[in-house]
Amino acid sequence: MNENLLGIAAGILTSISMLPQLIKVIKEKNVGDLSWIMILILILGLSLWVWYGVLKNEHPIIVSNAFAVLVNICLFICYFLYKDNAD
């Protein structure tokens, strides 16, 4: 398998992995089972991957992790918007 295709496939899957959670949170307006610390650590780790991708000039790493950062920032914002709705 071409290593670029492997990287792109991995990037797509990891980038979209939190989308179902974000959609669920937005629909239900409930973040009772989420940990804001985990989300923050994930954002920081993904941001480091973006930085690494920039240093290595690896566009699949940059794009996929930047998208994942945006999704998780949205989830982080939702956490604080909906934390009072937690059961």
N, C-alpha and C. Protein backbone atom coordinates (compact mmCIF):
# COMPACT_ATOMS: atom_id res chain seq x y z
N MET A 1 0.84 -1.19 0.00
CA MET A 1 0.00 0.00 0.00
C MET A 1 0.88 1.25 0.00
N ASN A 2 0.49 2.21 -0.75
CA ASN A 2 1.20 3.47 -0.83
C ASN A 2 1.17 4.15 0.54
N GLU A 3 2.31 4.58 1.04
CA GLU A 3 2.36 5.17 2.38
C GLU A 3 1.61 6.49 2.46
N ASN A 4 1.52 7.23 1.37
CA ASN A 4 0.72 8.47 1.39
C ASN A 4 -0.76 8.15 1.54
N LEU A 5 -1.25 7.12 0.85
CA LEU A 5 -2.64 6.72 0.99
C LEU A 5 -2.93 6.24 2.41
N LEU A 6 -1.99 5.52 2.97
CA LEU A 6 -2.13 5.05 4.35
C LEU A 6 -2.24 6.24 5.31
N GLY A 7 -1.38 7.23 5.12
CA GLY A 7 -1.41 8.43 5.95
C GLY A 7 -2.69 9.21 5.80
N ILE A 8 -3.17 9.33 4.57
CA ILE A 8 -4.41 10.05 4.32
C ILE A 8 -5.59 9.32 4.95
N ALA A 9 -5.65 7.99 4.79
CA ALA A 9 -6.73 7.20 5.38
C ALA A 9 -6.72 7.33 6.90
N ALA A 10 -5.55 7.23 7.51
CA ALA A 10 -5.43 7.36 8.96
C ALA A 10 -5.86 8.76 9.40
N GLY A 11 -5.45 9.76 8.66
CA GLY A 11 -5.80 11.14 8.98
C GLY A 11 -7.29 11.39 8.92
N ILE A 12 -7.93 10.86 7.88
CA ILE A 12 -9.37 11.04 7.74
C ILE A 12 -10.11 10.37 8.89
N LEU A 13 -9.76 9.14 9.19
CA LEU A 13 -10.45 8.40 10.25
C LEU A 13 -10.27 9.06 11.62
N THR A 14 -9.06 9.46 11.94
CA THR A 14 -8.85 10.09 13.24
C THR A 14 -9.47 11.48 13.30
N SER A 15 -9.50 12.17 12.17
CA SER A 15 -10.08 13.51 12.15
C SER A 15 -11.58 13.50 12.37
N ILE A 16 -12.26 12.50 11.82
CA ILE A 16 -13.72 12.46 11.94
C ILE A 16 -14.19 11.68 13.16
N SER A 17 -13.27 11.13 13.92
CA SER A 17 -13.65 10.25 15.03
C SER A 17 -14.50 10.95 16.09
N MET A 18 -14.32 12.23 16.30
CA MET A 18 -15.09 12.94 17.32
C MET A 18 -16.35 13.59 16.77
N LEU A 19 -16.56 13.54 15.47
CA LEU A 19 -17.77 14.14 14.89
C LEU A 19 -19.06 13.53 15.45
N PRO A 20 -19.17 12.20 15.58
CA PRO A 20 -20.41 11.66 16.16
C PRO A 20 -20.67 12.18 17.58
N GLN A 21 -19.62 12.34 18.36
CA GLN A 21 -19.77 12.86 19.73
C GLN A 21 -20.25 14.31 19.68
N LEU A 22 -19.66 15.10 18.81
CA LEU A 22 -20.05 16.50 18.69
C LEU A 22 -21.50 16.63 18.25
N ILE A 23 -21.89 15.83 17.27
CA ILE A 23 -23.27 15.85 16.79
C ILE A 23 -24.24 15.47 17.91
N LYS A 24 -23.89 14.44 18.67
CA LYS A 24 -24.74 14.00 19.78
C LYS A 24 -24.89 15.10 20.83
N VAL A 25 -23.79 15.74 21.17
CA VAL A 25 -23.81 16.80 22.17
C VAL A 25 -24.68 17.97 21.69
N ILE A 26 -24.54 18.33 20.42
CA ILE A 26 -25.32 19.45 19.89
C ILE A 26 -26.81 19.10 19.87
N LYS A 27 -27.14 17.87 19.47
CA LYS A 27 -28.55 17.46 19.43
C LYS A 27 -29.17 17.39 20.81
N GLU A 28 -28.46 16.77 21.75
CA GLU A 28 -29.01 16.54 23.08
C GLU A 28 -28.76 17.68 24.07
N LYS A 29 -27.80 18.54 23.73
CA LYS A 29 -27.39 19.64 24.62
C LYS A 29 -27.06 19.11 26.02
N ASN A 30 -26.35 18.00 26.03
CA ASN A 30 -25.97 17.35 27.28
C ASN A 30 -24.52 16.89 27.18
N VAL A 31 -23.70 17.31 28.13
CA VAL A 31 -22.28 16.94 28.14
C VAL A 31 -21.92 16.22 29.43
N GLY A 32 -22.91 15.62 30.07
CA GLY A 32 -22.72 14.99 31.36
C GLY A 32 -21.64 13.93 31.41
N ASP A 33 -21.41 13.21 30.31
CA ASP A 33 -20.43 12.13 30.30
C ASP A 33 -19.07 12.55 29.74
N LEU A 34 -18.90 13.82 29.43
CA LEU A 34 -17.64 14.29 28.85
C LEU A 34 -16.72 14.86 29.92
N SER A 35 -15.43 14.71 29.69
CA SER A 35 -14.42 15.30 30.57
C SER A 35 -13.77 16.46 29.81
N TRP A 36 -13.91 17.68 30.34
CA TRP A 36 -13.32 18.82 29.65
C TRP A 36 -11.80 18.75 29.68
N ILE A 37 -11.25 18.10 30.70
CA ILE A 37 -9.78 17.97 30.78
C ILE A 37 -9.29 17.07 29.66
N MET A 38 -9.99 15.97 29.39
CA MET A 38 -9.61 15.08 28.30
C MET A 38 -9.67 15.81 26.97
N ILE A 39 -10.72 16.60 26.77
CA ILE A 39 -10.86 17.34 25.51
C ILE A 39 -9.72 18.34 25.36
N LEU A 40 -9.39 19.03 26.44
CA LEU A 40 -8.30 20.01 26.40
C LEU A 40 -6.96 19.35 26.09
N ILE A 41 -6.69 18.22 26.74
CA ILE A 41 -5.44 17.49 26.47
C ILE A 41 -5.40 17.03 25.02
N LEU A 42 -6.52 16.55 24.50
CA LEU A 42 -6.60 16.12 23.11
C LEU A 42 -6.33 17.29 22.16
N ILE A 43 -6.91 18.45 22.45
CA ILE A 43 -6.66 19.64 21.62
C ILE A 43 -5.19 20.00 21.62
N LEU A 44 -4.57 19.95 22.79
CA LEU A 44 -3.14 20.27 22.88
C LEU A 44 -2.29 19.26 22.10
N GLY A 45 -2.61 17.97 22.23
CA GLY A 45 -1.87 16.95 21.51
C GLY A 45 -2.04 17.08 20.00
N LEU A 46 -3.26 17.32 19.56
CA LEU A 46 -3.51 17.50 18.12
C LEU A 46 -2.81 18.74 17.59
N SER A 47 -2.78 19.79 18.41
CA SER A 47 -2.08 21.01 18.00
C SER A 47 -0.59 20.76 17.82
N LEU A 48 -0.03 19.93 18.68
CA LEU A 48 1.39 19.57 18.52
C LEU A 48 1.60 18.77 17.24
N TRP A 49 0.64 17.91 16.88
CA TRP A 49 0.74 17.19 15.61
C TRP A 49 0.71 18.15 14.43
N VAL A 50 -0.13 19.18 14.52
CA VAL A 50 -0.17 20.20 13.46
C VAL A 50 1.19 20.87 13.35
N TRP A 51 1.75 21.25 14.47
CA TRP A 51 3.06 21.89 14.48
C TRP A 51 4.12 20.96 13.89
N TYR A 52 4.10 19.70 14.28
CA TYR A 52 5.01 18.71 13.73
C TYR A 52 4.86 18.61 12.21
N GLY A 53 3.60 18.58 11.75
CA GLY A 53 3.34 18.52 10.32
C GLY A 53 3.88 19.73 9.58
N VAL A 54 3.77 20.90 10.21
CA VAL A 54 4.33 22.12 9.61
C VAL A 54 5.84 22.01 9.52
N LEU A 55 6.46 21.56 10.59
CA LEU A 55 7.93 21.43 10.60
C LEU A 55 8.42 20.43 9.54
N LYS A 56 7.67 19.37 9.34
CA LYS A 56 8.04 18.33 8.37
C LYS A 56 7.46 18.58 6.98
N ASN A 57 6.64 19.63 6.85
CA ASN A 57 5.97 19.96 5.58
C ASN A 57 5.14 18.77 5.08
N GLU A 58 4.38 18.18 6.00
CA GLU A 58 3.52 17.03 5.69
C GLU A 58 2.07 17.47 5.69
N HIS A 59 1.54 17.74 4.51
CA HIS A 59 0.19 18.27 4.40
C HIS A 59 -0.89 17.35 4.96
N PRO A 60 -0.83 16.02 4.77
CA PRO A 60 -1.87 15.17 5.37
C PRO A 60 -1.91 15.29 6.90
N ILE A 61 -0.76 15.41 7.53
CA ILE A 61 -0.71 15.56 8.99
C ILE A 61 -1.28 16.90 9.40
N ILE A 62 -0.93 17.94 8.67
CA ILE A 62 -1.40 19.29 8.99
C ILE A 62 -2.92 19.37 8.86
N VAL A 63 -3.43 18.97 7.70
CA VAL A 63 -4.86 19.14 7.41
C VAL A 63 -5.72 18.28 8.33
N SER A 64 -5.37 17.01 8.47
CA SER A 64 -6.21 16.12 9.27
C SER A 64 -6.22 16.53 10.74
N ASN A 65 -5.08 16.90 11.27
CA ASN A 65 -5.03 17.28 12.68
C ASN A 65 -5.61 18.67 12.92
N ALA A 66 -5.47 19.57 11.97
CA ALA A 66 -6.09 20.89 12.11
C ALA A 66 -7.62 20.76 12.14
N PHE A 67 -8.16 19.89 11.27
CA PHE A 67 -9.60 19.65 11.29
C PHE A 67 -10.02 19.06 12.63
N ALA A 68 -9.26 18.10 13.14
CA ALA A 68 -9.58 17.49 14.43
C ALA A 68 -9.50 18.51 15.56
N VAL A 69 -8.55 19.44 15.49
CA VAL A 69 -8.47 20.52 16.49
C VAL A 69 -9.75 21.34 16.47
N LEU A 70 -10.23 21.69 15.28
CA LEU A 70 -11.45 22.50 15.17
C LEU A 70 -12.67 21.76 15.73
N VAL A 71 -12.79 20.48 15.41
CA VAL A 71 -13.91 19.69 15.93
C VAL A 71 -13.86 19.65 17.46
N ASN A 72 -12.69 19.44 18.00
CA ASN A 72 -12.57 19.33 19.46
C ASN A 72 -12.70 20.68 20.16
N ILE A 73 -12.32 21.76 19.49
CA ILE A 73 -12.57 23.09 20.06
C ILE A 73 -14.08 23.33 20.13
N CYS A 74 -14.80 22.92 19.10
CA CYS A 74 -16.27 23.04 19.12
C CYS A 74 -16.85 22.22 20.27
N LEU A 75 -16.34 21.01 20.47
CA LEU A 75 -16.80 20.17 21.56
C LEU A 75 -16.48 20.81 22.91
N PHE A 76 -15.31 21.41 23.03
CA PHE A 76 -14.88 22.09 24.25
C PHE A 76 -15.81 23.27 24.55
N ILE A 77 -16.14 24.04 23.53
CA ILE A 77 -17.07 25.16 23.70
C ILE A 77 -18.44 24.65 24.12
N CYS A 78 -18.90 23.59 23.46
CA CYS A 78 -20.20 23.00 23.81
C CYS A 78 -20.21 22.53 25.25
N TYR A 79 -19.10 22.01 25.72
CA TYR A 79 -19.03 21.54 27.10
C TYR A 79 -19.44 22.66 28.05
N PHE A 80 -18.87 23.83 27.85
CA PHE A 80 -19.16 24.94 28.76
C PHE A 80 -20.52 25.58 28.49
N LEU A 81 -21.01 25.48 27.26
CA LEU A 81 -22.36 25.98 26.96
C LEU A 81 -23.44 25.14 27.60
N TYR A 82 -23.21 23.80 27.60
CA TYR A 82 -24.26 22.86 28.03
C TYR A 82 -23.98 22.17 29.36
N LYS A 83 -22.92 22.57 30.08
CA LYS A 83 -22.58 21.86 31.32
C LYS A 83 -23.68 21.94 32.36
N ASP A 84 -24.48 22.98 32.34
CA ASP A 84 -25.58 23.11 33.30
C ASP A 84 -26.72 22.15 32.99
N ASN A 85 -26.74 21.61 31.77
CA ASN A 85 -27.79 20.64 31.37
C ASN A 85 -27.42 19.22 31.75
N ALA A 86 -26.20 19.02 32.28
CA ALA A 86 -25.73 17.68 32.65
C ALA A 86 -26.65 17.08 33.72
N ASP A 87 -26.90 15.79 33.56
CA ASP A 87 -27.80 15.11 34.53
C ASP A 87 -27.18 15.02 35.90
